[in-house]
Amino acid sequence: MSDQERANLINASVETRVPNFISEQFRDLGCPVRIINEMPDHIHCLFLLNPQISIIDVIKQVKGSSSHFVNQQNLIAEKFA
């Protein structure tokens, strides 16, 4: 999906629950979060990488689990990916 096709899905119903969930996921992976900043169509995360886990595995886990969380909690009307 290109930048022009991104939908602004981060609203009041999402803006606190999703960053808190993402922060927990990073913590569970041993990657302390420094900053999470929500934009209308994406989230920025600054974290310390656990040297025992590859960056690819961390991102795959956090993106997958956060998408599942949004869909399972019905935080938005359509399916989130």
PDB file of N, CA and C in Angstrom:
ATOM      1  N   MET A   1       0.851  -1.161   0.000  1.00  0.00           N
ATOM      2  CA  MET A   1       0.000   0.000   0.000  1.00  0.00           C
ATOM      3  C   MET A   1       0.900   1.227   0.000  1.00  0.00           C
ATOM      4  N   SER A   2       0.676   2.139  -0.900  1.00  0.00           N
ATOM      5  CA  SER A   2       1.480   3.353  -0.957  1.00  0.00           C
ATOM      6  C   SER A   2       0.991   4.359   0.070  1.00  0.00           C
ATOM      7  N   ASP A   3       1.790   5.410   0.292  1.00  0.00           N
ATOM      8  CA  ASP A   3       1.418   6.448   1.256  1.00  0.00           C
ATOM      9  C   ASP A   3       0.088   7.089   0.891  1.00  0.00           C
ATOM     10  N   GLN A   4      -0.211   7.217  -0.396  1.00  0.00           N
ATOM     11  CA  GLN A   4      -1.459   7.833  -0.816  1.00  0.00           C
ATOM     12  C   GLN A   4      -2.675   6.979  -0.481  1.00  0.00           C
ATOM     13  N   GLU A   5      -2.501   5.671  -0.295  1.00  0.00           N
ATOM     14  CA  GLU A   5      -3.608   4.762  -0.045  1.00  0.00           C
ATOM     15  C   GLU A   5      -3.831   4.485   1.440  1.00  0.00           C
ATOM     16  N   ARG A   6      -3.016   5.041   2.305  1.00  0.00           N
ATOM     17  CA  ARG A   6      -3.169   4.799   3.742  1.00  0.00           C
ATOM     18  C   ARG A   6      -4.420   5.500   4.255  1.00  0.00           C
ATOM     19  N   ALA A   7      -5.174   4.801   5.069  1.00  0.00           N
ATOM     20  CA  ALA A   7      -6.371   5.383   5.678  1.00  0.00           C
ATOM     21  C   ALA A   7      -6.014   5.907   7.065  1.00  0.00           C
ATOM     22  N   ASN A   8      -6.638   7.005   7.458  1.00  0.00           N
ATOM     23  CA  ASN A   8      -6.425   7.585   8.782  1.00  0.00           C
ATOM     24  C   ASN A   8      -7.284   6.840   9.798  1.00  0.00           C
ATOM     25  N   LEU A   9      -6.748   5.758  10.348  1.00  0.00           N
ATOM     26  CA  LEU A   9      -7.504   4.877  11.245  1.00  0.00           C
ATOM     27  C   LEU A   9      -7.199   5.097  12.715  1.00  0.00           C
ATOM     28  N   ILE A  10      -6.182   5.874  13.019  1.00  0.00           N
ATOM     29  CA  ILE A  10      -5.807   6.079  14.414  1.00  0.00           C
ATOM     30  C   ILE A  10      -6.597   7.261  14.948  1.00  0.00           C
ATOM     31  N   ASN A  11      -7.637   6.928  15.693  1.00  0.00           N
ATOM     32  CA  ASN A  11      -8.523   7.947  16.255  1.00  0.00           C
ATOM     33  C   ASN A  11      -8.627   7.720  17.762  1.00  0.00           C
ATOM     34  N   ALA A  12      -9.570   8.385  18.400  1.00  0.00           N
ATOM     35  CA  ALA A  12      -9.688   8.325  19.861  1.00  0.00           C
ATOM     36  C   ALA A  12      -9.864   6.904  20.381  1.00  0.00           C
ATOM     37  N   SER A  13     -10.575   6.053  19.638  1.00  0.00           N
ATOM     38  CA  SER A  13     -10.804   4.684  20.116  1.00  0.00           C
ATOM     39  C   SER A  13      -9.547   3.832  20.043  1.00  0.00           C
ATOM     40  N   VAL A  14      -8.580   4.255  19.273  1.00  0.00           N
ATOM     41  CA  VAL A  14      -7.372   3.476  19.039  1.00  0.00           C
ATOM     42  C   VAL A  14      -6.149   4.104  19.706  1.00  0.00           C
ATOM     43  N   GLU A  15      -6.135   5.418  19.850  1.00  0.00           N
ATOM     44  CA  GLU A  15      -4.887   6.120  20.148  1.00  0.00           C
ATOM     45  C   GLU A  15      -4.239   5.808  21.492  1.00  0.00           C
ATOM     46  N   THR A  16      -4.948   5.300  22.457  1.00  0.00           N
ATOM     47  CA  THR A  16      -4.271   4.909  23.705  1.00  0.00           C
ATOM     48  C   THR A  16      -4.104   3.404  23.821  1.00  0.00           C
ATOM     49  N   ARG A  17      -5.063   2.656  23.363  1.00  0.00           N
ATOM     50  CA  ARG A  17      -5.015   1.197  23.536  1.00  0.00           C
ATOM     51  C   ARG A  17      -3.928   0.548  22.694  1.00  0.00           C
ATOM     52  N   VAL A  18      -3.798   0.968  21.449  1.00  0.00           N
ATOM     53  CA  VAL A  18      -2.807   0.335  20.573  1.00  0.00           C
ATOM     54  C   VAL A  18      -1.375   0.656  21.006  1.00  0.00           C
ATOM     55  N   PRO A  19      -1.021   1.916  21.277  1.00  0.00           N
ATOM     56  CA  PRO A  19       0.351   2.165  21.754  1.00  0.00           C
ATOM     57  C   PRO A  19       0.673   1.440  23.060  1.00  0.00           C
ATOM     58  N   ASN A  20      -0.274   1.346  23.959  1.00  0.00           N
ATOM     59  CA  ASN A  20      -0.038   0.598  25.199  1.00  0.00           C
ATOM     60  C   ASN A  20       0.216  -0.876  24.902  1.00  0.00           C
ATOM     61  N   PHE A  21      -0.574  -1.449  23.990  1.00  0.00           N
ATOM     62  CA  PHE A  21      -0.389  -2.846  23.610  1.00  0.00           C
ATOM     63  C   PHE A  21       0.980  -3.042  22.949  1.00  0.00           C
ATOM     64  N   ILE A  22       1.325  -2.148  22.039  1.00  0.00           N
ATOM     65  CA  ILE A  22       2.615  -2.240  21.340  1.00  0.00           C
ATOM     66  C   ILE A  22       3.765  -2.145  22.342  1.00  0.00           C
ATOM     67  N   SER A  23       3.655  -1.237  23.276  1.00  0.00           N
ATOM     68  CA  SER A  23       4.688  -1.088  24.303  1.00  0.00           C
ATOM     69  C   SER A  23       4.865  -2.382  25.095  1.00  0.00           C
ATOM     70  N   GLU A  24       3.765  -3.029  25.443  1.00  0.00           N
ATOM     71  CA  GLU A  24       3.824  -4.317  26.149  1.00  0.00           C
ATOM     72  C   GLU A  24       4.517  -5.380  25.305  1.00  0.00           C
ATOM     73  N   GLN A  25       4.218  -5.392  24.010  1.00  0.00           N
ATOM     74  CA  GLN A  25       4.837  -6.375  23.123  1.00  0.00           C
ATOM     75  C   GLN A  25       6.355  -6.192  23.077  1.00  0.00           C
ATOM     76  N   PHE A  26       6.802  -4.950  22.923  1.00  0.00           N
ATOM     77  CA  PHE A  26       8.246  -4.681  22.933  1.00  0.00           C
ATOM     78  C   PHE A  26       8.872  -5.111  24.261  1.00  0.00           C
ATOM     79  N   ARG A  27       8.217  -4.776  25.368  1.00  0.00           N
ATOM     80  CA  ARG A  27       8.729  -5.157  26.695  1.00  0.00           C
ATOM     81  C   ARG A  27       8.851  -6.672  26.815  1.00  0.00           C
ATOM     82  N   ASP A  28       7.821  -7.392  26.340  1.00  0.00           N
ATOM     83  CA  ASP A  28       7.851  -8.859  26.407  1.00  0.00           C
ATOM     84  C   ASP A  28       9.020  -9.444  25.607  1.00  0.00           C
ATOM     85  N   LEU A  29       9.450  -8.728  24.578  1.00  0.00           N
ATOM     86  CA  LEU A  29      10.569  -9.181  23.747  1.00  0.00           C
ATOM     87  C   LEU A  29      11.911  -8.702  24.291  1.00  0.00           C
ATOM     88  N   GLY A  30      11.892  -7.998  25.425  1.00  0.00           N
ATOM     89  CA  GLY A  30      13.125  -7.488  26.003  1.00  0.00           C
ATOM     90  C   GLY A  30      13.665  -6.277  25.271  1.00  0.00           C
ATOM     91  N   CYS A  31      12.767  -5.509  24.647  1.00  0.00           N
ATOM     92  CA  CYS A  31      13.130  -4.320  23.885  1.00  0.00           C
ATOM     93  C   CYS A  31      12.452  -3.102  24.514  1.00  0.00           C
ATOM     94  N   PRO A  32      13.096  -2.450  25.470  1.00  0.00           N
ATOM     95  CA  PRO A  32      12.463  -1.315  26.151  1.00  0.00           C
ATOM     96  C   PRO A  32      12.108  -0.187  25.181  1.00  0.00           C
ATOM     97  N   VAL A  33      10.897   0.324  25.330  1.00  0.00           N
ATOM     98  CA  VAL A  33      10.405   1.406  24.475  1.00  0.00           C
ATOM     99  C   VAL A  33      10.849   2.741  25.042  1.00  0.00           C
ATOM    100  N   ARG A  34      11.303   3.611  24.182  1.00  0.00           N
ATOM    101  CA  ARG A  34      11.664   4.976  24.570  1.00  0.00           C
ATOM    102  C   ARG A  34      10.550   5.947  24.202  1.00  0.00           C
ATOM    103  N   ILE A  35       9.999   5.829  22.992  1.00  0.00           N
ATOM    104  CA  ILE A  35       8.940   6.736  22.528  1.00  0.00           C
ATOM    105  C   ILE A  35       8.015   5.974  21.587  1.00  0.00           C
ATOM    106  N   ILE A  36       6.714   6.212  21.722  1.00  0.00           N
ATOM    107  CA  ILE A  36       5.731   5.781  20.728  1.00  0.00           C
ATOM    108  C   ILE A  36       4.935   7.028  20.366  1.00  0.00           C
ATOM    109  N   ASN A  37       4.880   7.330  19.082  1.00  0.00           N
ATOM    110  CA  ASN A  37       4.206   8.520  18.596  1.00  0.00           C
ATOM    111  C   ASN A  37       3.194   8.115  17.526  1.00  0.00           C
ATOM    112  N   GLU A  38       1.935   8.442  17.764  1.00  0.00           N
ATOM    113  CA  GLU A  38       0.876   8.073  16.822  1.00  0.00           C
ATOM    114  C   GLU A  38       0.672   9.179  15.793  1.00  0.00           C
ATOM    115  N   MET A  39       0.571   8.772  14.543  1.00  0.00           N
ATOM    116  CA  MET A  39       0.186   9.647  13.440  1.00  0.00           C
ATOM    117  C   MET A  39      -1.199   9.164  13.000  1.00  0.00           C
ATOM    118  N   PRO A  40      -1.924   9.928  12.189  1.00  0.00           N
ATOM    119  CA  PRO A  40      -3.265   9.486  11.780  1.00  0.00           C
ATOM    120  C   PRO A  40      -3.284   8.156  11.028  1.00  0.00           C
ATOM    121  N   ASP A  41      -2.175   7.811  10.350  1.00  0.00           N
ATOM    122  CA  ASP A  41      -2.181   6.607   9.529  1.00  0.00           C
ATOM    123  C   ASP A  41      -1.042   5.629   9.827  1.00  0.00           C
ATOM    124  N   HIS A  42      -0.241   5.910  10.851  1.00  0.00           N
ATOM    125  CA  HIS A  42       0.832   4.990  11.233  1.00  0.00           C
ATOM    126  C   HIS A  42       1.360   5.372  12.614  1.00  0.00           C
ATOM    127  N   ILE A  43       2.235   4.541  13.147  1.00  0.00           N
ATOM    128  CA  ILE A  43       2.808   4.767  14.468  1.00  0.00           C
ATOM    129  C   ILE A  43       4.330   4.677  14.370  1.00  0.00           C
ATOM    130  N   HIS A  44       5.017   5.602  15.045  1.00  0.00           N
ATOM    131  CA  HIS A  44       6.474   5.572  15.140  1.00  0.00           C
ATOM    132  C   HIS A  44       6.845   4.985  16.495  1.00  0.00           C
ATOM    133  N   CYS A  45       7.853   4.115  16.511  1.00  0.00           N
ATOM    134  CA  CYS A  45       8.320   3.515  17.761  1.00  0.00           C
ATOM    135  C   CYS A  45       9.844   3.606  17.824  1.00  0.00           C
ATOM    136  N   LEU A  46      10.340   4.101  18.941  1.00  0.00           N
ATOM    137  CA  LEU A  46      11.772   4.096  19.204  1.00  0.00           C
ATOM    138  C   LEU A  46      11.982   3.157  20.385  1.00  0.00           C
ATOM    139  N   PHE A  47      12.801   2.134  20.178  1.00  0.00           N
ATOM    140  CA  PHE A  47      13.019   1.136  21.222  1.00  0.00           C
ATOM    141  C   PHE A  47      14.455   0.661  21.178  1.00  0.00           C
ATOM    142  N   LEU A  48      14.896   0.065  22.256  1.00  0.00           N
ATOM    143  CA  LEU A  48      16.227  -0.534  22.318  1.00  0.00           C
ATOM    144  C   LEU A  48      16.109  -1.996  21.909  1.00  0.00           C
ATOM    145  N   LEU A  49      16.894  -2.388  20.958  1.00  0.00           N
ATOM    146  CA  LEU A  49      16.824  -3.748  20.430  1.00  0.00           C
ATOM    147  C   LEU A  49      17.508  -4.725  21.375  1.00  0.00           C
ATOM    148  N   ASN A  50      16.803  -5.795  21.699  1.00  0.00           N
ATOM    149  CA  ASN A  50      17.375  -6.895  22.461  1.00  0.00           C
ATOM    150  C   ASN A  50      18.407  -7.579  21.550  1.00  0.00           C
ATOM    151  N   PRO A  51      19.670  -7.659  21.950  1.00  0.00           N
ATOM    152  CA  PRO A  51      20.694  -8.231  21.072  1.00  0.00           C
ATOM    153  C   PRO A  51      20.505  -9.725  20.778  1.00  0.00           C
ATOM    154  N   GLN A  52      19.610 -10.385  21.503  1.00  0.00           N
ATOM    155  CA  GLN A  52      19.384 -11.807  21.278  1.00  0.00           C
ATOM    156  C   GLN A  52      18.278 -12.077  20.260  1.00  0.00           C
ATOM    157  N   ILE A  53      17.634 -11.003  19.741  1.00  0.00           N
ATOM    158  CA  ILE A  53      16.540 -11.158  18.783  1.00  0.00           C
ATOM    159  C   ILE A  53      16.833 -10.289  17.561  1.00  0.00           C
ATOM    160  N   SER A  54      16.585 -10.812  16.374  1.00  0.00           N
ATOM    161  CA  SER A  54      16.814 -10.011  15.168  1.00  0.00           C
ATOM    162  C   SER A  54      15.735  -8.940  15.027  1.00  0.00           C
ATOM    163  N   ILE A  55      16.096  -7.846  14.397  1.00  0.00           N
ATOM    164  CA  ILE A  55      15.146  -6.759  14.173  1.00  0.00           C
ATOM    165  C   ILE A  55      13.952  -7.252  13.353  1.00  0.00           C
ATOM    166  N   ILE A  56      14.194  -8.141  12.412  1.00  0.00           N
ATOM    167  CA  ILE A  56      13.107  -8.690  11.591  1.00  0.00           C
ATOM    168  C   ILE A  56      12.100  -9.431  12.453  1.00  0.00           C
ATOM    169  N   ASP A  57      12.577 -10.241  13.386  1.00  0.00           N
ATOM    170  CA  ASP A  57      11.678 -10.997  14.263  1.00  0.00           C
ATOM    171  C   ASP A  57      10.900 -10.069  15.201  1.00  0.00           C
ATOM    172  N   VAL A  58      11.558  -9.027  15.697  1.00  0.00           N
ATOM    173  CA  VAL A  58      10.872  -8.075  16.577  1.00  0.00           C
ATOM    174  C   VAL A  58       9.747  -7.383  15.825  1.00  0.00           C
ATOM    175  N   ILE A  59      10.043  -6.850  14.653  1.00  0.00           N
ATOM    176  CA  ILE A  59       9.039  -6.118  13.881  1.00  0.00           C
ATOM    177  C   ILE A  59       7.900  -7.042  13.454  1.00  0.00           C
ATOM    178  N   LYS A  60       8.243  -8.248  13.012  1.00  0.00           N
ATOM    179  CA  LYS A  60       7.206  -9.205  12.610  1.00  0.00           C
ATOM    180  C   LYS A  60       6.259  -9.502  13.777  1.00  0.00           C
ATOM    181  N   GLN A  61       6.813  -9.715  14.971  1.00  0.00           N
ATOM    182  CA  GLN A  61       6.002 -10.008  16.147  1.00  0.00           C
ATOM    183  C   GLN A  61       5.114  -8.821  16.518  1.00  0.00           C
ATOM    184  N   VAL A  62       5.690  -7.633  16.573  1.00  0.00           N
ATOM    185  CA  VAL A  62       4.935  -6.456  17.000  1.00  0.00           C
ATOM    186  C   VAL A  62       3.863  -6.092  15.981  1.00  0.00           C
ATOM    187  N   LYS A  63       4.197  -6.101  14.698  1.00  0.00           N
ATOM    188  CA  LYS A  63       3.199  -5.769  13.674  1.00  0.00           C
ATOM    189  C   LYS A  63       2.075  -6.800  13.646  1.00  0.00           C
ATOM    190  N   GLY A  64       2.435  -8.072  13.697  1.00  0.00           N
ATOM    191  CA  GLY A  64       1.427  -9.124  13.648  1.00  0.00           C
ATOM    192  C   GLY A  64       0.514  -9.123  14.859  1.00  0.00           C
ATOM    193  N   SER A  65       1.106  -9.004  16.032  1.00  0.00           N
ATOM    194  CA  SER A  65       0.287  -9.045  17.243  1.00  0.00           C
ATOM    195  C   SER A  65      -0.569  -7.789  17.385  1.00  0.00           C
ATOM    196  N   SER A  66      -0.068  -6.637  16.950  1.00  0.00           N
ATOM    197  CA  SER A  66      -0.875  -5.418  17.057  1.00  0.00           C
ATOM    198  C   SER A  66      -2.026  -5.433  16.063  1.00  0.00           C
ATOM    199  N   SER A  67      -1.810  -5.949  14.862  1.00  0.00           N
ATOM    200  CA  SER A  67      -2.911  -6.083  13.902  1.00  0.00           C
ATOM    201  C   SER A  67      -3.975  -7.032  14.436  1.00  0.00           C
ATOM    202  N   HIS A  68      -3.535  -8.149  15.003  1.00  0.00           N
ATOM    203  CA  HIS A  68      -4.464  -9.113  15.591  1.00  0.00           C
ATOM    204  C   HIS A  68      -5.251  -8.463  16.735  1.00  0.00           C
ATOM    205  N   PHE A  69      -4.567  -7.695  17.573  1.00  0.00           N
ATOM    206  CA  PHE A  69      -5.212  -7.005  18.695  1.00  0.00           C
ATOM    207  C   PHE A  69      -6.291  -6.042  18.196  1.00  0.00           C
ATOM    208  N   VAL A  70      -5.977  -5.230  17.201  1.00  0.00           N
ATOM    209  CA  VAL A  70      -6.948  -4.265  16.664  1.00  0.00           C
ATOM    210  C   VAL A  70      -8.169  -5.001  16.132  1.00  0.00           C
ATOM    211  N   ASN A  71      -7.960  -6.082  15.390  1.00  0.00           N
ATOM    212  CA  ASN A  71      -9.084  -6.843  14.828  1.00  0.00           C
ATOM    213  C   ASN A  71      -9.876  -7.574  15.907  1.00  0.00           C
ATOM    214  N   GLN A  72      -9.198  -8.176  16.862  1.00  0.00           N
ATOM    215  CA  GLN A  72      -9.866  -8.933  17.913  1.00  0.00           C
ATOM    216  C   GLN A  72     -10.699  -8.019  18.817  1.00  0.00           C
ATOM    217  N   GLN A  73     -10.211  -6.812  19.057  1.00  0.00           N
ATOM    218  CA  GLN A  73     -10.909  -5.854  19.921  1.00  0.00           C
ATOM    219  C   GLN A  73     -11.944  -5.021  19.159  1.00  0.00           C
ATOM    220  N   ASN A  74     -12.037  -5.234  17.834  1.00  0.00           N
ATOM    221  CA  ASN A  74     -12.962  -4.476  16.975  1.00  0.00           C
ATOM    222  C   ASN A  74     -12.795  -2.965  17.170  1.00  0.00           C
ATOM    223  N   LEU A  75     -11.548  -2.501  17.131  1.00  0.00           N
ATOM    224  CA  LEU A  75     -11.282  -1.087  17.349  1.00  0.00           C
ATOM    225  C   LEU A  75     -11.598  -0.226  16.134  1.00  0.00           C
ATOM    226  N   ILE A  76     -11.667  -0.857  14.959  1.00  0.00           N
ATOM    227  CA  ILE A  76     -12.077  -0.133  13.751  1.00  0.00           C
ATOM    228  C   ILE A  76     -13.100  -0.975  13.005  1.00  0.00           C
ATOM    229  N   ALA A  77     -13.850  -0.308  12.136  1.00  0.00           N
ATOM    230  CA  ALA A  77     -14.957  -0.973  11.459  1.00  0.00           C
ATOM    231  C   ALA A  77     -14.514  -2.055  10.481  1.00  0.00           C
ATOM    232  N   GLU A  78     -13.467  -1.792   9.712  1.00  0.00           N
ATOM    233  CA  GLU A  78     -13.011  -2.761   8.715  1.00  0.00           C
ATOM    234  C   GLU A  78     -11.866  -3.592   9.251  1.00  0.00           C
ATOM    235  N   LYS A  79     -11.466  -4.620   8.500  1.00  0.00           N
ATOM    236  CA  LYS A  79     -10.336  -5.464   8.893  1.00  0.00           C
ATOM    237  C   LYS A  79      -9.062  -4.660   8.779  1.00  0.00           C
ATOM    238  N   PHE A  80      -8.259  -4.706   9.831  1.00  0.00           N
ATOM    239  CA  PHE A  80      -6.994  -3.969   9.881  1.00  0.00           C
ATOM    240  C   PHE A  80      -5.849  -4.874   9.495  1.00  0.00           C
ATOM    241  N   ALA A  81      -4.922  -4.363   8.670  1.00  0.00           N
ATOM    242  CA  ALA A  81      -3.727  -5.110   8.280  1.00  0.00           C
ATOM    243  C   ALA A  81      -2.557  -4.175   8.165  1.00  0.00           C
TER     244      ALA A  81
END
